[in-house]
C-alpha atoms as a PDB file:
ATOM      1  CA  MET A   1      94.911  90.317 126.675  1.00  0.00           C
ATOM      2  CA  LEU A   2      96.792  90.814 123.722  1.00  0.00           C
ATOM      3  CA  ALA A   3      97.724  87.158 121.793  1.00  0.00           C
ATOM      4  CA  GLY A   4      98.805  85.390 119.219  1.00  0.00           C
ATOM      5  CA  ARG A   5      97.067  81.798 118.667  1.00  0.00           C
ATOM      6  CA  TYR A   6      97.933  78.543 117.150  1.00  0.00           C
ATOM      7  CA  ALA A   7      95.261  76.519 115.389  1.00  0.00           C
ATOM      8  CA  PRO A   8      95.329  73.071 114.142  1.00  0.00           C
ATOM      9  CA  SER A   9      92.926  70.546 112.936  1.00  0.00           C
ATOM     10  CA  PRO A  10      92.341  67.551 115.270  1.00  0.00           C
ATOM     11  CA  SER A  11      92.624  65.289 112.274  1.00  0.00           C
ATOM     12  CA  GLY A  12      95.555  63.482 113.243  1.00  0.00           C
ATOM     13  CA  ASP A  13      98.929  63.920 114.641  1.00  0.00           C
ATOM     14  CA  LEU A  14     100.959  66.953 113.886  1.00  0.00           C
ATOM     15  CA  HIS A  15     103.897  66.710 111.360  1.00  0.00           C
ATOM     16  CA  VAL A  16     107.065  68.746 111.455  1.00  0.00           C
ATOM     17  CA  GLY A  17     105.889  71.461 109.580  1.00  0.00           C
ATOM     18  CA  ASN A  18     102.973  71.837 111.911  1.00  0.00           C
ATOM     19  CA  LEU A  19     105.059  71.667 114.705  1.00  0.00           C
ATOM     20  CA  ARG A  20     107.688  74.167 113.079  1.00  0.00           C
ATOM     21  CA  THR A  21     104.789  76.857 112.411  1.00  0.00           C
ATOM     22  CA  ALA A  22     103.735  76.511 116.273  1.00  0.00           C
ATOM     23  CA  MET A  23     107.138  76.915 117.301  1.00  0.00           C
ATOM     24  CA  LEU A  24     107.204  80.196 115.452  1.00  0.00           C
ATOM     25  CA  ALA A  25     103.731  81.187 116.739  1.00  0.00           C
ATOM     26  CA  TRP A  26     105.466  80.517 120.181  1.00  0.00           C
ATOM     27  CA  LEU A  27     108.335  82.851 119.864  1.00  0.00           C
ATOM     28  CA  PHE A  28     106.542  85.665 117.895  1.00  0.00           C
ATOM     29  CA  ALA A  29     104.091  85.726 120.843  1.00  0.00           C
ATOM     30  CA  GLN A  30     107.013  85.620 123.313  1.00  0.00           C
ATOM     31  CA  ALA A  31     109.089  88.019 121.709  1.00  0.00           C
ATOM     32  CA  THR A  32     106.311  90.571 121.789  1.00  0.00           C
ATOM     33  CA  ASP A  33     104.773  89.939 125.493  1.00  0.00           C
ATOM     34  CA  ARG A  34     101.943  88.222 124.201  1.00  0.00           C
ATOM     35  CA  ALA A  35      99.794  84.861 125.594  1.00  0.00           C
ATOM     36  CA  LEU A  36      99.461  82.208 123.123  1.00  0.00           C
ATOM     37  CA  LEU A  37      96.507  80.580 122.768  1.00  0.00           C
ATOM     38  CA  LEU A  38      95.382  77.028 121.630  1.00  0.00           C
ATOM     39  CA  ARG A  39      92.189  76.680 119.280  1.00  0.00           C
ATOM     40  CA  TYR A  40      90.888  73.727 117.591  1.00  0.00           C
ATOM     41  CA  GLU A  41      89.442  74.006 114.213  1.00  0.00           C
ATOM     42  CA  ASP A  42      87.310  70.893 114.585  1.00  0.00           C
ATOM     43  CA  LEU A  43      83.979  72.483 112.399  1.00  0.00           C
ATOM     44  CA  ASP A  44      84.641  69.932 109.715  1.00  0.00           C
ATOM     45  CA  ALA A  45      83.222  66.519 111.972  1.00  0.00           C
ATOM     46  CA  SER A  46      84.136  63.822 109.301  1.00  0.00           C
ATOM     47  CA  ARG A  47      87.782  64.730 109.848  1.00  0.00           C
ATOM     48  CA  THR A  48      88.059  64.882 113.416  1.00  0.00           C
ATOM     49  CA  VAL A  49      90.204  61.601 114.847  1.00  0.00           C
ATOM     50  CA  ALA A  50      89.248  60.938 118.136  1.00  0.00           C
ATOM     51  CA  GLY A  51      92.306  61.505 120.506  1.00  0.00           C
ATOM     52  CA  SER A  52      94.488  63.680 118.228  1.00  0.00           C
ATOM     53  CA  ALA A  53      93.526  67.024 120.005  1.00  0.00           C
ATOM     54  CA  GLU A  54      95.155  65.647 122.993  1.00  0.00           C
ATOM     55  CA  ARG A  55      97.991  64.015 121.105  1.00  0.00           C
ATOM     56  CA  GLN A  56      98.532  67.306 119.363  1.00  0.00           C
ATOM     57  CA  ARG A  57      99.004  69.175 122.594  1.00  0.00           C
ATOM     58  CA  SER A  58     100.913  66.692 124.227  1.00  0.00           C
ATOM     59  CA  ASP A  59     103.459  66.945 121.514  1.00  0.00           C
ATOM     60  CA  LEU A  60     103.405  70.667 121.523  1.00  0.00           C
ATOM     61  CA  GLU A  61     104.561  70.628 124.968  1.00  0.00           C
ATOM     62  CA  ALA A  62     107.013  68.219 124.856  1.00  0.00           C
ATOM     63  CA  LEU A  63     109.229  70.650 122.108  1.00  0.00           C
ATOM     64  CA  GLY A  64     108.609  73.260 124.873  1.00  0.00           C
ATOM     65  CA  VAL A  65     105.412  75.176 123.014  1.00  0.00           C
ATOM     66  CA  THR A  66     103.073  76.244 125.840  1.00  0.00           C
ATOM     67  CA  PHE A  67      99.361  77.987 126.046  1.00  0.00           C
ATOM     68  CA  GLN A  68      97.675  80.130 128.051  1.00  0.00           C
ATOM     69  CA  GLY A  69      93.904  80.783 128.649  1.00  0.00           C
ATOM     70  CA  GLU A  70      91.115  78.558 127.596  1.00  0.00           C
ATOM     71  CA  THR A  71      91.514  75.997 125.000  1.00  0.00           C
ATOM     72  CA  LEU A  72      88.744  76.845 122.375  1.00  0.00           C
ATOM     73  CA  PHE A  73      87.074  74.061 120.212  1.00  0.00           C
ATOM     74  CA  GLN A  74      85.204  75.695 117.327  1.00  0.00           C
ATOM     75  CA  SER A  75      82.230  72.790 117.119  1.00  0.00           C
ATOM     76  CA  GLN A  76      81.318  74.511 120.604  1.00  0.00           C
ATOM     77  CA  ARG A  77      81.044  78.013 119.396  1.00  0.00           C
ATOM     78  CA  LYS A  78      77.600  77.633 116.904  1.00  0.00           C
ATOM     79  CA  PRO A  79      76.016  80.582 118.854  1.00  0.00           C
ATOM     80  CA  ILE A  80      78.792  82.902 118.576  1.00  0.00           C
ATOM     81  CA  TYR A  81      78.908  82.480 115.042  1.00  0.00           C
ATOM     82  CA  ASP A  82      75.410  82.422 114.491  1.00  0.00           C
ATOM     83  CA  ASP A  83      75.324  86.229 116.138  1.00  0.00           C
ATOM     84  CA  ALA A  84      78.010  87.565 113.310  1.00  0.00           C
ATOM     85  CA  VAL A  85      76.192  86.281 110.805  1.00  0.00           C
ATOM     86  CA  ALA A  86      73.082  88.309 112.371  1.00  0.00           C
ATOM     87  CA  ALA A  87      75.251  91.085 112.219  1.00  0.00           C
ATOM     88  CA  LEU A  88      76.175  91.028 108.616  1.00  0.00           C
ATOM     89  CA  ARG A  89      72.383  90.048 107.846  1.00  0.00           C
ATOM     90  CA  ASP A  90      71.298  93.404 109.559  1.00  0.00           C
ATOM     91  CA  GLN A  91      74.266  95.276 107.235  1.00  0.00           C
ATOM     92  CA  GLY A  92      72.671  93.496 103.987  1.00  0.00           C
ATOM     93  CA  ARG A  93      75.507  91.585 103.526  1.00  0.00           C
ATOM     94  CA  VAL A  94      74.290  88.083 103.593  1.00  0.00           C
ATOM     95  CA  TYR A  95      72.707  85.767 100.856  1.00  0.00           C
ATOM     96  CA  GLU A  96      72.091  82.404 100.159  1.00  0.00           C
ATOM     97  CA  CYS A  97      73.533  80.359  97.307  1.00  0.00           C
ATOM     98  CA  TYR A  98      72.811  77.174  96.176  1.00  0.00           C
ATOM     99  CA  CYS A  99      75.241  76.278  93.952  1.00  0.00           C
ATOM    100  CA  THR A 100      77.481  73.455  93.648  1.00  0.00           C
ATOM    101  CA  ARG A 101      81.411  73.478  93.928  1.00  0.00           C
ATOM    102  CA  ARG A 102      81.285  72.220  90.212  1.00  0.00           C
ATOM    103  CA  GLU A 103      78.543  74.695  89.600  1.00  0.00           C
ATOM    104  CA  VAL A 104      81.294  77.611  91.024  1.00  0.00           C
ATOM    105  CA  GLN A 105      84.322  76.289  89.139  1.00  0.00           C
ATOM    106  CA  ASP A 106      82.512  75.866  85.617  1.00  0.00           C
ATOM    107  CA  ALA A 107      80.555  79.043  85.793  1.00  0.00           C
ATOM    108  CA  PRO A 108      81.696  82.055  83.491  1.00  0.00           C
ATOM    109  CA  ARG A 109      83.439  84.869  85.519  1.00  0.00           C
ATOM    110  CA  ALA A 110      85.098  88.237  84.819  1.00  0.00           C
ATOM    111  CA  PRO A 111      88.641  88.268  83.018  1.00  0.00           C
ATOM    112  CA  HIS A 112      91.358  87.868  85.539  1.00  0.00           C
ATOM    113  CA  ALA A 113      89.312  86.818  88.054  1.00  0.00           C
ATOM    114  CA  PRO A 114      91.069  84.142  89.836  1.00  0.00           C
ATOM    115  CA  PRO A 115      90.293  79.998  89.614  1.00  0.00           C
ATOM    116  CA  GLY A 116      87.529  79.068  92.367  1.00  0.00           C
ATOM    117  CA  ALA A 117      86.481  82.880  92.857  1.00  0.00           C
ATOM    118  CA  TYR A 118      82.681  82.685  93.221  1.00  0.00           C
ATOM    119  CA  PRO A 119      81.132  84.590  90.279  1.00  0.00           C
ATOM    120  CA  GLY A 120      78.116  85.959  91.883  1.00  0.00           C
ATOM    121  CA  THR A 121      75.322  83.429  90.409  1.00  0.00           C
ATOM    122  CA  CYS A 122      73.043  83.743  93.272  1.00  0.00           C
ATOM    123  CA  ARG A 123      73.176  87.198  94.374  1.00  0.00           C
ATOM    124  CA  ALA A 124      70.572  88.671  92.547  1.00  0.00           C
ATOM    125  CA  LEU A 125      68.089  85.459  92.168  1.00  0.00           C
ATOM    126  CA  SER A 126      64.535  86.552  92.840  1.00  0.00           C
ATOM    127  CA  GLU A 127      62.781  85.402  96.026  1.00  0.00           C
ATOM    128  CA  GLU A 128      60.353  82.858  93.885  1.00  0.00           C
ATOM    129  CA  GLU A 129      63.687  81.392  92.484  1.00  0.00           C
ATOM    130  CA  ARG A 130      65.215  81.384  95.812  1.00  0.00           C
ATOM    131  CA  ARG A 131      62.096  79.261  97.078  1.00  0.00           C
ATOM    132  CA  ARG A 132      62.537  76.727  93.969  1.00  0.00           C
ATOM    133  CA  ARG A 133      66.364  76.505  94.634  1.00  0.00           C
ATOM    134  CA  ARG A 134      66.118  75.668  98.413  1.00  0.00           C
ATOM    135  CA  VAL A 135      63.731  72.661  97.616  1.00  0.00           C
ATOM    136  CA  GLN A 136      66.546  71.230  95.297  1.00  0.00           C
ATOM    137  CA  ARG A 137      69.525  72.077  97.468  1.00  0.00           C
ATOM    138  CA  PRO A 138      70.161  73.495 101.350  1.00  0.00           C
ATOM    139  CA  GLY A 139      71.101  77.247 100.572  1.00  0.00           C
ATOM    140  CA  ALA A 140      74.928  78.201 101.951  1.00  0.00           C
ATOM    141  CA  LEU A 141      75.293  81.785 102.991  1.00  0.00           C
ATOM    142  CA  ARG A 142      77.792  83.917 101.203  1.00  0.00           C
ATOM    143  CA  LEU A 143      79.114  87.889 102.287  1.00  0.00           C
ATOM    144  CA  LEU A 144      77.871  90.030  99.823  1.00  0.00           C
ATOM    145  CA  SER A 145      81.021  92.060  99.194  1.00  0.00           C
ATOM    146  CA  ASP A 146      81.632  95.076  98.342  1.00  0.00           C
ATOM    147  CA  VAL A 147      84.818  95.313  97.060  1.00  0.00           C
ATOM    148  CA  ALA A 148      87.397  93.402  94.458  1.00  0.00           C
ATOM    149  CA  ARG A 149      90.777  93.246  96.097  1.00  0.00           C
ATOM    150  CA  THR A 150      92.272  94.147  99.293  1.00  0.00           C
ATOM    151  CA  SER A 151      95.647  94.659 101.099  1.00  0.00           C
ATOM    152  CA  VAL A 152      97.396  93.429 103.968  1.00  0.00           C
ATOM    153  CA  GLU A 153     100.879  93.910 105.238  1.00  0.00           C
ATOM    154  CA  ASP A 154     102.528  90.978 106.623  1.00  0.00           C
ATOM    155  CA  ARG A 155     105.640  91.056 108.922  1.00  0.00           C
ATOM    156  CA  LEU A 156     107.840  88.438 106.409  1.00  0.00           C
ATOM    157  CA  LEU A 157     105.600  89.208 102.982  1.00  0.00           C
ATOM    158  CA  GLY A 158     105.496  92.379 103.085  1.00  0.00           C
ATOM    159  CA  THR A 159     102.218  93.749 101.158  1.00  0.00           C
ATOM    160  CA  VAL A 160      99.932  90.828 100.371  1.00  0.00           C
ATOM    161  CA  THR A 161      96.892  91.460  97.845  1.00  0.00           C
ATOM    162  CA  ALA A 162      93.936  89.478  97.131  1.00  0.00           C
ATOM    163  CA  PRO A 163      90.893  89.257  95.824  1.00  0.00           C
ATOM    164  CA  VAL A 164      87.759  89.431  98.058  1.00  0.00           C
ATOM    165  CA  ASP A 165      85.014  87.580  96.653  1.00  0.00           C
ATOM    166  CA  ASP A 166      81.355  86.182  97.796  1.00  0.00           C
ATOM    167  CA  PHE A 167      83.294  84.019  99.871  1.00  0.00           C
ATOM    168  CA  VAL A 168      80.936  81.281 102.029  1.00  0.00           C
ATOM    169  CA  LEU A 169      80.338  82.228 105.465  1.00  0.00           C
ATOM    170  CA  VAL A 170      77.959  79.184 106.718  1.00  0.00           C
ATOM    171  CA  ARG A 171      78.203  76.094 105.013  1.00  0.00           C
ATOM    172  CA  ASN A 172      74.896  74.333 103.721  1.00  0.00           C
ATOM    173  CA  ASP A 173      75.185  71.926 106.339  1.00  0.00           C
ATOM    174  CA  GLY A 174      74.750  75.024 108.862  1.00  0.00           C
ATOM    175  CA  ALA A 175      78.120  74.825 109.864  1.00  0.00           C
ATOM    176  CA  ALA A 176      80.440  78.412 109.669  1.00  0.00           C
ATOM    177  CA  ALA A 177      82.912  78.416 107.241  1.00  0.00           C
ATOM    178  CA  TYR A 178      86.545  78.758 107.870  1.00  0.00           C
ATOM    179  CA  ASN A 179      86.804  82.425 107.169  1.00  0.00           C
ATOM    180  CA  LEU A 180      84.008  83.226 109.498  1.00  0.00           C
ATOM    181  CA  ALA A 181      84.814  81.352 112.412  1.00  0.00           C
ATOM    182  CA  VAL A 182      88.819  82.343 112.464  1.00  0.00           C
ATOM    183  CA  VAL A 183      87.721  85.828 112.100  1.00  0.00           C
ATOM    184  CA  VAL A 184      85.371  85.858 115.388  1.00  0.00           C
ATOM    185  CA  ASP A 185      87.417  83.781 117.009  1.00  0.00           C
ATOM    186  CA  ASP A 186      90.233  85.810 116.829  1.00  0.00           C
ATOM    187  CA  HIS A 187      88.654  89.374 117.779  1.00  0.00           C
ATOM    188  CA  LEU A 188      86.641  87.846 120.604  1.00  0.00           C
ATOM    189  CA  THR A 189      89.451  86.272 122.341  1.00  0.00           C
ATOM    190  CA  GLY A 190      92.032  89.464 121.535  1.00  0.00           C
ATOM    191  CA  VAL A 191      94.272  87.871 119.075  1.00  0.00           C
ATOM    192  CA  ASP A 192      96.431  90.440 117.220  1.00  0.00           C
ATOM    193  CA  GLN A 193      98.974  88.364 116.159  1.00  0.00           C
ATOM    194  CA  VAL A 194      98.350  85.518 112.900  1.00  0.00           C
ATOM    195  CA  VAL A 195     101.480  83.435 112.591  1.00  0.00           C
ATOM    196  CA  ARG A 196     100.762  81.002 110.291  1.00  0.00           C
ATOM    197  CA  ALA A 197     102.015  79.199 106.911  1.00  0.00           C
ATOM    198  CA  ASP A 198     102.233  81.381 103.773  1.00  0.00           C
ATOM    199  CA  ASP A 199      99.842  78.798 101.779  1.00  0.00           C
ATOM    200  CA  LEU A 200      97.148  80.799 103.761  1.00  0.00           C
ATOM    201  CA  ALA A 201      98.522  84.119 103.131  1.00  0.00           C
ATOM    202  CA  ASP A 202      95.745  84.931 100.458  1.00  0.00           C
ATOM    203  CA  SER A 203      93.058  84.137 103.069  1.00  0.00           C
ATOM    204  CA  ALA A 204      94.332  87.160 105.238  1.00  0.00           C
ATOM    205  CA  PRO A 205      92.342  90.158 102.643  1.00  0.00           C
ATOM    206  CA  ARG A 206      89.260  88.126 103.155  1.00  0.00           C
ATOM    207  CA  GLN A 207      89.569  87.679 106.949  1.00  0.00           C
ATOM    208  CA  GLN A 208      90.529  91.823 107.229  1.00  0.00           C
ATOM    209  CA  HIS A 209      88.020  92.725 105.459  1.00  0.00           C
ATOM    210  CA  LEU A 210      85.278  90.418 107.341  1.00  0.00           C
ATOM    211  CA  ARG A 211      86.811  91.866 110.387  1.00  0.00           C
ATOM    212  CA  ARG A 212      86.466  95.185 109.599  1.00  0.00           C
ATOM    213  CA  LEU A 213      82.703  94.650 108.422  1.00  0.00           C
ATOM    214  CA  LEU A 214      81.611  93.001 112.032  1.00  0.00           C
ATOM    215  CA  TYR A 215      83.875  94.702 114.035  1.00  0.00           C
ATOM    216  CA  GLY A 216      85.218  98.134 112.450  1.00  0.00           C
ATOM    217  CA  ASP A 217      88.180  99.746 111.121  1.00  0.00           C
ATOM    218  CA  ALA A 218      90.720  99.690 114.121  1.00  0.00           C
ATOM    219  CA  ALA A 219      90.056  96.006 114.895  1.00  0.00           C
ATOM    220  CA  ALA A 220      90.853  95.010 111.613  1.00  0.00           C
ATOM    221  CA  GLU A 221      94.325  97.512 111.287  1.00  0.00           C
ATOM    222  CA  ALA A 222      95.243  96.225 115.120  1.00  0.00           C
ATOM    223  CA  VAL A 223      96.293  92.470 113.172  1.00  0.00           C
ATOM    224  CA  GLU A 224      99.693  91.782 112.663  1.00  0.00           C
ATOM    225  CA  TYR A 225     100.254  89.145 110.420  1.00  0.00           C
ATOM    226  CA  ALA A 226     103.409  86.747 109.933  1.00  0.00           C
ATOM    227  CA  HIS A 227     102.926  83.817 107.392  1.00  0.00           C
ATOM    228  CA  VAL A 228     105.947  81.657 107.402  1.00  0.00           C
ATOM    229  CA  PRO A 229     107.614  79.760 104.857  1.00  0.00           C
ATOM    230  CA  LEU A 230     106.588  75.889 104.459  1.00  0.00           C
ATOM    231  CA  VAL A 231     108.325  72.798 105.054  1.00  0.00           C
ATOM    232  CA  ILE A 232     108.544  70.830 101.786  1.00  0.00           C
ATOM    233  CA  ASN A 233     109.619  67.106 100.940  1.00  0.00           C
ATOM    234  CA  HIS A 234     112.505  65.927  98.873  1.00  0.00           C
ATOM    235  CA  GLU A 235     110.235  66.692  95.795  1.00  0.00           C
ATOM    236  CA  GLY A 236     109.786  70.406  96.749  1.00  0.00           C
ATOM    237  CA  ARG A 237     106.100  69.829  97.696  1.00  0.00           C
ATOM    238  CA  ARG A 238     104.442  70.613 100.879  1.00  0.00           C
ATOM    239  CA  LEU A 239     105.573  68.045 103.849  1.00  0.00           C
ATOM    240  CA  ALA A 240     102.276  65.973 104.291  1.00  0.00           C
ATOM    241  CA  LYS A 241     102.033  62.879 106.536  1.00  0.00           C
ATOM    242  CA  ARG A 242     102.471  60.182 103.833  1.00  0.00           C
ATOM    243  CA  ASP A 243     106.216  61.595 103.562  1.00  0.00           C
ATOM    244  CA  GLY A 244     107.583  58.917 105.808  1.00  0.00           C
ATOM    245  CA  ALA A 245     108.433  59.382 109.358  1.00  0.00           C
ATOM    246  CA  VAL A 246     107.158  63.271 110.025  1.00  0.00           C
ATOM    247  CA  THR A 247     105.476  62.875 113.102  1.00  0.00           C
ATOM    248  CA  LEU A 248     106.881  62.711 116.921  1.00  0.00           C
ATOM    249  CA  ALA A 249     105.509  59.537 117.092  1.00  0.00           C
ATOM    250  CA  GLU A 250     106.759  57.986 113.810  1.00  0.00           C
ATOM    251  CA  LEU A 251     110.047  59.408 114.792  1.00  0.00           C
ATOM    252  CA  HIS A 252     110.173  57.976 118.180  1.00  0.00           C
ATOM    253  CA  VAL A 253     109.977  54.592 117.084  1.00  0.00           C
ATOM    254  CA  GLN A 254     113.348  55.659 114.521  1.00  0.00           C
ATOM    255  CA  GLY A 255     115.026  56.415 117.951  1.00  0.00           C
ATOM    256  CA  ALA A 256     114.671  60.336 117.449  1.00  0.00           C
ATOM    257  CA  GLU A 257     113.658  62.552 121.061  1.00  0.00           C
ATOM    258  CA  PRO A 258     111.267  65.243 120.930  1.00  0.00           C
ATOM    259  CA  GLU A 259     114.496  67.404 121.836  1.00  0.00           C
ATOM    260  CA  GLN A 260     116.738  65.965 118.696  1.00  0.00           C
ATOM    261  CA  VAL A 261     113.448  67.369 116.510  1.00  0.00           C
ATOM    262  CA  ARG A 262     113.001  70.508 118.554  1.00  0.00           C
ATOM    263  CA  ASP A 263     116.785  71.249 117.837  1.00  0.00           C
ATOM    264  CA  THR A 264     116.323  70.135 114.127  1.00  0.00           C
ATOM    265  CA  LEU A 265     113.749  73.052 113.575  1.00  0.00           C
ATOM    266  CA  LEU A 266     115.418  75.369 115.771  1.00  0.00           C
ATOM    267  CA  GLU A 267     118.523  75.122 113.506  1.00  0.00           C
ATOM    268  CA  SER A 268     116.319  75.533 110.332  1.00  0.00           C
ATOM    269  CA  LEU A 269     115.696  78.897 111.911  1.00  0.00           C
ATOM    270  CA  GLN A 270     118.686  79.629 111.927  1.00  0.00           C
ATOM    271  CA  LEU A 271     118.276  79.691 115.964  1.00  0.00           C
ATOM    272  CA  PRO A 272     120.956  77.672 118.528  1.00  0.00           C
ATOM    273  CA  ARG A 273     119.801  73.947 119.860  1.00  0.00           C
ATOM    274  CA  GLY A 274     118.252  73.868 123.154  1.00  0.00           C
ATOM    275  CA  PRO A 275     115.108  74.633 125.317  1.00  0.00           C
ATOM    276  CA  LEU A 276     112.613  76.803 123.033  1.00  0.00           C
ATOM    277  CA  LYS A 277     112.609  79.568 126.172  1.00  0.00           C
ATOM    278  CA  GLN A 278     116.532  79.849 125.774  1.00  0.00           C
ATOM    279  CA  ALA A 279     115.871  80.690 121.664  1.00  0.00           C
ATOM    280  CA  VAL A 280     113.638  83.807 122.647  1.00  0.00           C
ATOM    281  CA  LYS A 281     116.370  86.177 123.068  1.00  0.00           C
ATOM    282  CA  HIS A 282     118.035  85.310 120.164  1.00  0.00           C
ATOM    283  CA  PHE A 283     114.734  85.633 118.165  1.00  0.00           C
ATOM    284  CA  ASP A 284     114.556  88.296 115.571  1.00  0.00           C
ATOM    285  CA  PRO A 285     111.793  87.842 112.348  1.00  0.00           C
ATOM    286  CA  GLU A 286     114.148  89.948 110.095  1.00  0.00           C
ATOM    287  CA  ARG A 287     116.770  87.081 109.999  1.00  0.00           C
ATOM    288  CA  LEU A 288     114.260  84.168 109.766  1.00  0.00           C
ATOM    289  CA  PRO A 289     114.345  82.271 106.416  1.00  0.00           C
ATOM    290  CA  ARG A 290     112.014  83.541 103.565  1.00  0.00           C
ATOM    291  CA  LYS A 291     112.435  80.112 101.532  1.00  0.00           C
ATOM    292  CA  PRO A 292     110.758  76.826 102.065  1.00  0.00           C
ATOM    293  CA  TRP A 293     112.649  74.531 104.245  1.00  0.00           C
ATOM    294  CA  GLU A 294     113.436  71.000 103.128  1.00  0.00           C
ATOM    295  CA  TRP A 295     112.389  68.113 105.672  1.00  0.00           C
ATOM    296  CA  LYS A 296     115.393  65.456 105.431  1.00  0.00           C
ATOM    297  CA  PRO A 297     115.252  62.311 107.547  1.00  0.00           C
ATOM    298  CA  LEU A 298     117.013  62.628 110.945  1.00  0.00           C
ATOM    299  CA  LEU A 299     120.109  60.733 111.679  1.00  0.00           C
ATOM    300  CA  THR A 300     119.558  58.233 114.441  1.00  0.00           C
ATOM    301  CA  ASP A 301     121.528  55.510 116.490  1.00  0.00           C
ATOM    302  CA  HIS A 302     118.133  53.648 116.094  1.00  0.00           C
ATOM    303  CA  PRO A 303     118.083  50.865 113.241  1.00  0.00           C
ATOM    304  CA  ALA A 304     115.792  51.508 110.338  1.00  0.00           C
END
């Protein structure tokens, strides 16, 4: 089964920017005869809010975004991620890293290296040094990368090129890191279409490289990416939950029903108002706006 996916973190209610991206993921999937899967990226237990996964799905369905297949929770898939790390170990591509975030930020790095890129501090530690550092701090696991940069083709952005450093595979608390979990889950669930916000575009080359190492060239090249523009606030910054009434629940209090929110989001995509299923026949990725869209408070008959 070929599929797209929507993969929120259950850290609270979805805001209209999240909802717009989910609608786009659904439209892309429908337009290409793919299923759309729902996956909760809940590896960071400290950010998980009880009940938010259920509320998120309810809000999505209220807009017409529906899903097929089993709903996945990444927190329940540790053995699967461990198997992937073991496969990379067999290739000699995993090493322990004991650096703190501050040490990574402050470390000298090669000219033109992007901010935050890992400089390889722990790559060549002796076994004695590893034992000494291990006592002081649990180690994370990093990928031993053999490429400096790589590129992917994006449906909306064209060629996206970004560095591939020795990124984290497993955090020092034992939980899989974002890039590892995403690649493993996408491959094992048949996801070959990734539609998400364009602030994640730079992660696509890393993920494609990792998918190639784990599953081969054909699996890596099969993925279609579409990174869609963000929704922004009136100051031009990425929309956040602190920007007033931006969730369905908050908008409902102000008198806006899900249909009004849906129609507003459809119009922002240059699609006609109405049920989402009707929008599919008008959906053309080539006509999608390429710039961020500013969210403005909805006009309702309800008193503020």
